[in-house]
Amino acid sequence: MNLDYGDRLYSDAAYADSSEYYYNLGVENLSRAVEKWPRITLYRQFLGVLYYNHKDYANAITCYEKALELDPSASISFRLLIQLYNFTGERQKGLALLEHWLKEHPEDMDARNMYNIYKRYNR
């Protein structure tokens, strides 16, 4: 992986909020990176953030779900996906994901706290 290329992609994504042009450029470049390096979850995460910031929650969810499928230990994708499930009202999916994550990562105290909060406020 070329880190300079990754830095440029991140930079494109960071400017995406400033105009539709940079948003489209970021989506195009990050999508190309995902095609070229499909197993690198970082590009999917960047793309998910780009979609999220543009309020395209369905595509953001797809990016994070695929990143978790490729790397079940991708904690950033896990946390962002939990937030999106809660934000979009898919709370049962969020709860199921938290329960699955805690079975695989019982030492993750942040996830345990998220689970307790989720259970308390999403009855």
C-alpha atoms as a PDB file:
ATOM      1  CA  MET A   1       0.000   0.000   0.000  1.00  0.00           C
ATOM      2  CA  ASN A   2       1.265   3.428  -0.861  1.00  0.00           C
ATOM      3  CA  LEU A   3       0.914   5.618   2.240  1.00  0.00           C
ATOM      4  CA  ASP A   4       1.227   8.816   0.230  1.00  0.00           C
ATOM      5  CA  TYR A   5      -1.743   7.668  -1.814  1.00  0.00           C
ATOM      6  CA  GLY A   6      -3.663   6.899   1.376  1.00  0.00           C
ATOM      7  CA  ASP A   7      -2.828  10.324   2.796  1.00  0.00           C
ATOM      8  CA  ARG A   8      -4.069  11.984  -0.390  1.00  0.00           C
ATOM      9  CA  LEU A   9      -7.299  10.001  -0.256  1.00  0.00           C
ATOM     10  CA  TYR A  10      -7.816  11.031   3.341  1.00  0.00           C
ATOM     11  CA  SER A  11      -7.139  14.637   2.400  1.00  0.00           C
ATOM     12  CA  ASP A  12      -9.698  14.453  -0.415  1.00  0.00           C
ATOM     13  CA  ALA A  13     -12.238  13.030   2.016  1.00  0.00           C
ATOM     14  CA  ALA A  14     -11.486  15.744   4.576  1.00  0.00           C
ATOM     15  CA  TYR A  15     -12.283  18.480   2.046  1.00  0.00           C
ATOM     16  CA  ALA A  16     -15.454  16.730   0.935  1.00  0.00           C
ATOM     17  CA  ASP A  17     -17.581  18.800   3.306  1.00  0.00           C
ATOM     18  CA  SER A  18     -16.564  21.996   1.549  1.00  0.00           C
ATOM     19  CA  SER A  19     -18.205  21.299  -1.810  1.00  0.00           C
ATOM     20  CA  GLU A  20     -19.993  18.780  -3.957  1.00  0.00           C
ATOM     21  CA  TYR A  21     -16.903  18.654  -6.176  1.00  0.00           C
ATOM     22  CA  TYR A  22     -14.673  17.426  -3.337  1.00  0.00           C
ATOM     23  CA  TYR A  23     -17.340  15.028  -2.142  1.00  0.00           C
ATOM     24  CA  ASN A  24     -17.564  13.438  -5.590  1.00  0.00           C
ATOM     25  CA  LEU A  25     -13.768  13.416  -5.883  1.00  0.00           C
ATOM     26  CA  GLY A  26     -13.449  11.743  -2.492  1.00  0.00           C
ATOM     27  CA  VAL A  27     -16.062   9.110  -3.326  1.00  0.00           C
ATOM     28  CA  GLU A  28     -14.433   8.429  -6.684  1.00  0.00           C
ATOM     29  CA  ASN A  29     -10.909   8.124  -5.301  1.00  0.00           C
ATOM     30  CA  LEU A  30     -11.849   6.090  -2.252  1.00  0.00           C
ATOM     31  CA  SER A  31     -14.048   3.777  -4.323  1.00  0.00           C
ATOM     32  CA  ARG A  32     -11.103   3.232  -6.659  1.00  0.00           C
ATOM     33  CA  ALA A  33      -8.869   2.442  -3.663  1.00  0.00           C
ATOM     34  CA  VAL A  34     -11.440  -0.053  -2.333  1.00  0.00           C
ATOM     35  CA  GLU A  35     -11.485  -1.752  -5.743  1.00  0.00           C
ATOM     36  CA  LYS A  36      -7.692  -1.837  -5.954  1.00  0.00           C
ATOM     37  CA  TRP A  37      -7.108  -2.950  -2.330  1.00  0.00           C
ATOM     38  CA  PRO A  38     -10.378  -4.628  -1.307  1.00  0.00           C
ATOM     39  CA  ARG A  39      -8.985  -6.140   1.898  1.00  0.00           C
ATOM     40  CA  ILE A  40      -7.707  -2.853   3.364  1.00  0.00           C
ATOM     41  CA  THR A  41     -10.543  -1.847   5.674  1.00  0.00           C
ATOM     42  CA  LEU A  42      -9.161   1.641   6.266  1.00  0.00           C
ATOM     43  CA  TYR A  43     -10.316   2.801   2.816  1.00  0.00           C
ATOM     44  CA  ARG A  44     -13.806   1.467   3.502  1.00  0.00           C
ATOM     45  CA  GLN A  45     -13.795   3.335   6.806  1.00  0.00           C
ATOM     46  CA  PHE A  46     -12.743   6.579   5.107  1.00  0.00           C
ATOM     47  CA  LEU A  47     -15.455   6.073   2.502  1.00  0.00           C
ATOM     48  CA  GLY A  48     -17.990   5.386   5.254  1.00  0.00           C
ATOM     49  CA  VAL A  49     -17.049   8.627   7.011  1.00  0.00           C
ATOM     50  CA  LEU A  50     -17.400  10.497   3.736  1.00  0.00           C
ATOM     51  CA  TYR A  51     -20.878   9.049   3.187  1.00  0.00           C
ATOM     52  CA  TYR A  52     -21.832   9.720   6.805  1.00  0.00           C
ATOM     53  CA  ASN A  53     -20.774  13.361   6.594  1.00  0.00           C
ATOM     54  CA  HIS A  54     -22.862  13.695   3.424  1.00  0.00           C
ATOM     55  CA  LYS A  55     -25.841  12.130   5.257  1.00  0.00           C
ATOM     56  CA  ASP A  56     -25.785   9.056   3.018  1.00  0.00           C
ATOM     57  CA  TYR A  57     -26.287   6.694   5.937  1.00  0.00           C
ATOM     58  CA  ALA A  58     -27.224   3.609   3.922  1.00  0.00           C
ATOM     59  CA  ASN A  59     -23.913   3.648   2.039  1.00  0.00           C
ATOM     60  CA  ALA A  60     -21.998   4.434   5.234  1.00  0.00           C
ATOM     61  CA  ILE A  61     -23.566   1.397   6.912  1.00  0.00           C
ATOM     62  CA  THR A  62     -22.653  -0.767   3.916  1.00  0.00           C
ATOM     63  CA  CYS A  63     -19.012   0.371   4.135  1.00  0.00           C
ATOM     64  CA  TYR A  64     -18.727  -0.413   7.842  1.00  0.00           C
ATOM     65  CA  GLU A  65     -20.525  -3.749   7.547  1.00  0.00           C
ATOM     66  CA  LYS A  66     -18.160  -4.826   4.759  1.00  0.00           C
ATOM     67  CA  ALA A  67     -15.133  -3.634   6.734  1.00  0.00           C
ATOM     68  CA  LEU A  68     -16.262  -5.747   9.708  1.00  0.00           C
ATOM     69  CA  GLU A  69     -16.898  -8.714   7.435  1.00  0.00           C
ATOM     70  CA  LEU A  70     -13.326  -8.449   6.117  1.00  0.00           C
ATOM     71  CA  ASP A  71     -11.774  -7.772   9.524  1.00  0.00           C
ATOM     72  CA  PRO A  72     -13.936  -8.858  12.467  1.00  0.00           C
ATOM     73  CA  SER A  73     -11.576  -7.066  14.852  1.00  0.00           C
ATOM     74  CA  ALA A  74     -11.977  -3.654  13.139  1.00  0.00           C
ATOM     75  CA  SER A  75     -13.036  -1.777  16.262  1.00  0.00           C
ATOM     76  CA  ILE A  76     -13.384   1.578  14.485  1.00  0.00           C
ATOM     77  CA  SER A  77     -15.867   0.099  12.014  1.00  0.00           C
ATOM     78  CA  PHE A  78     -17.677  -1.587  14.888  1.00  0.00           C
ATOM     79  CA  ARG A  79     -18.042   1.626  16.878  1.00  0.00           C
ATOM     80  CA  LEU A  80     -19.109   3.717  13.894  1.00  0.00           C
ATOM     81  CA  LEU A  81     -21.617   1.082  12.825  1.00  0.00           C
ATOM     82  CA  ILE A  82     -23.139   0.947  16.321  1.00  0.00           C
ATOM     83  CA  GLN A  83     -23.571   4.729  16.230  1.00  0.00           C
ATOM     84  CA  LEU A  84     -25.186   4.587  12.794  1.00  0.00           C
ATOM     85  CA  TYR A  85     -27.563   1.785  13.754  1.00  0.00           C
ATOM     86  CA  ASN A  86     -28.669   3.809  16.766  1.00  0.00           C
ATOM     87  CA  PHE A  87     -28.878   7.044  14.769  1.00  0.00           C
ATOM     88  CA  THR A  88     -30.963   5.479  11.989  1.00  0.00           C
ATOM     89  CA  GLY A  89     -33.300   3.693  14.395  1.00  0.00           C
ATOM     90  CA  GLU A  90     -31.971   0.192  13.701  1.00  0.00           C
ATOM     91  CA  ARG A  91     -31.478  -0.383  17.397  1.00  0.00           C
ATOM     92  CA  GLN A  92     -32.071  -4.143  17.330  1.00  0.00           C
ATOM     93  CA  LYS A  93     -29.267  -4.532  14.783  1.00  0.00           C
ATOM     94  CA  GLY A  94     -27.059  -2.414  17.028  1.00  0.00           C
ATOM     95  CA  LEU A  95     -27.882  -4.526  20.056  1.00  0.00           C
ATOM     96  CA  ALA A  96     -27.231  -7.764  18.143  1.00  0.00           C
ATOM     97  CA  LEU A  97     -23.887  -6.407  16.928  1.00  0.00           C
ATOM     98  CA  LEU A  98     -22.911  -5.368  20.452  1.00  0.00           C
ATOM     99  CA  GLU A  99     -23.788  -8.795  21.810  1.00  0.00           C
ATOM    100  CA  HIS A 100     -21.803 -10.531  19.064  1.00  0.00           C
ATOM    101  CA  TRP A 101     -18.834  -8.190  19.561  1.00  0.00           C
ATOM    102  CA  LEU A 102     -18.782  -8.839  23.313  1.00  0.00           C
ATOM    103  CA  LYS A 103     -18.785 -12.610  22.749  1.00  0.00           C
ATOM    104  CA  GLU A 104     -15.704 -12.200  20.552  1.00  0.00           C
ATOM    105  CA  HIS A 105     -14.082  -9.396  22.612  1.00  0.00           C
ATOM    106  CA  PRO A 106     -15.173  -9.855  26.248  1.00  0.00           C
ATOM    107  CA  GLU A 107     -12.281  -7.671  27.453  1.00  0.00           C
ATOM    108  CA  ASP A 108     -13.580  -4.607  25.577  1.00  0.00           C
ATOM    109  CA  MET A 109     -14.838  -2.500  28.489  1.00  0.00           C
ATOM    110  CA  ASP A 110     -15.898   0.381  26.223  1.00  0.00           C
ATOM    111  CA  ALA A 111     -18.162  -2.001  24.314  1.00  0.00           C
ATOM    112  CA  ARG A 112     -19.479  -3.384  27.621  1.00  0.00           C
ATOM    113  CA  ASN A 113     -20.354   0.153  28.715  1.00  0.00           C
ATOM    114  CA  MET A 114     -21.979   0.854  25.335  1.00  0.00           C
ATOM    115  CA  TYR A 115     -24.018  -2.325  25.743  1.00  0.00           C
ATOM    116  CA  ASN A 116     -25.228  -1.324  29.208  1.00  0.00           C
ATOM    117  CA  ILE A 117     -26.209   2.136  27.977  1.00  0.00           C
ATOM    118  CA  TYR A 118     -27.865   0.650  24.894  1.00  0.00           C
ATOM    119  CA  LYS A 119     -29.919  -1.713  27.037  1.00  0.00           C
ATOM    120  CA  ARG A 120     -30.936   1.055  29.424  1.00  0.00           C
ATOM    121  CA  TYR A 121     -32.088   3.556  26.789  1.00  0.00           C
ATOM    122  CA  ASN A 122     -33.375   1.238  24.056  1.00  0.00           C
ATOM    123  CA  ARG A 123     -35.977  -0.880  25.815  1.00  0.00           C
END
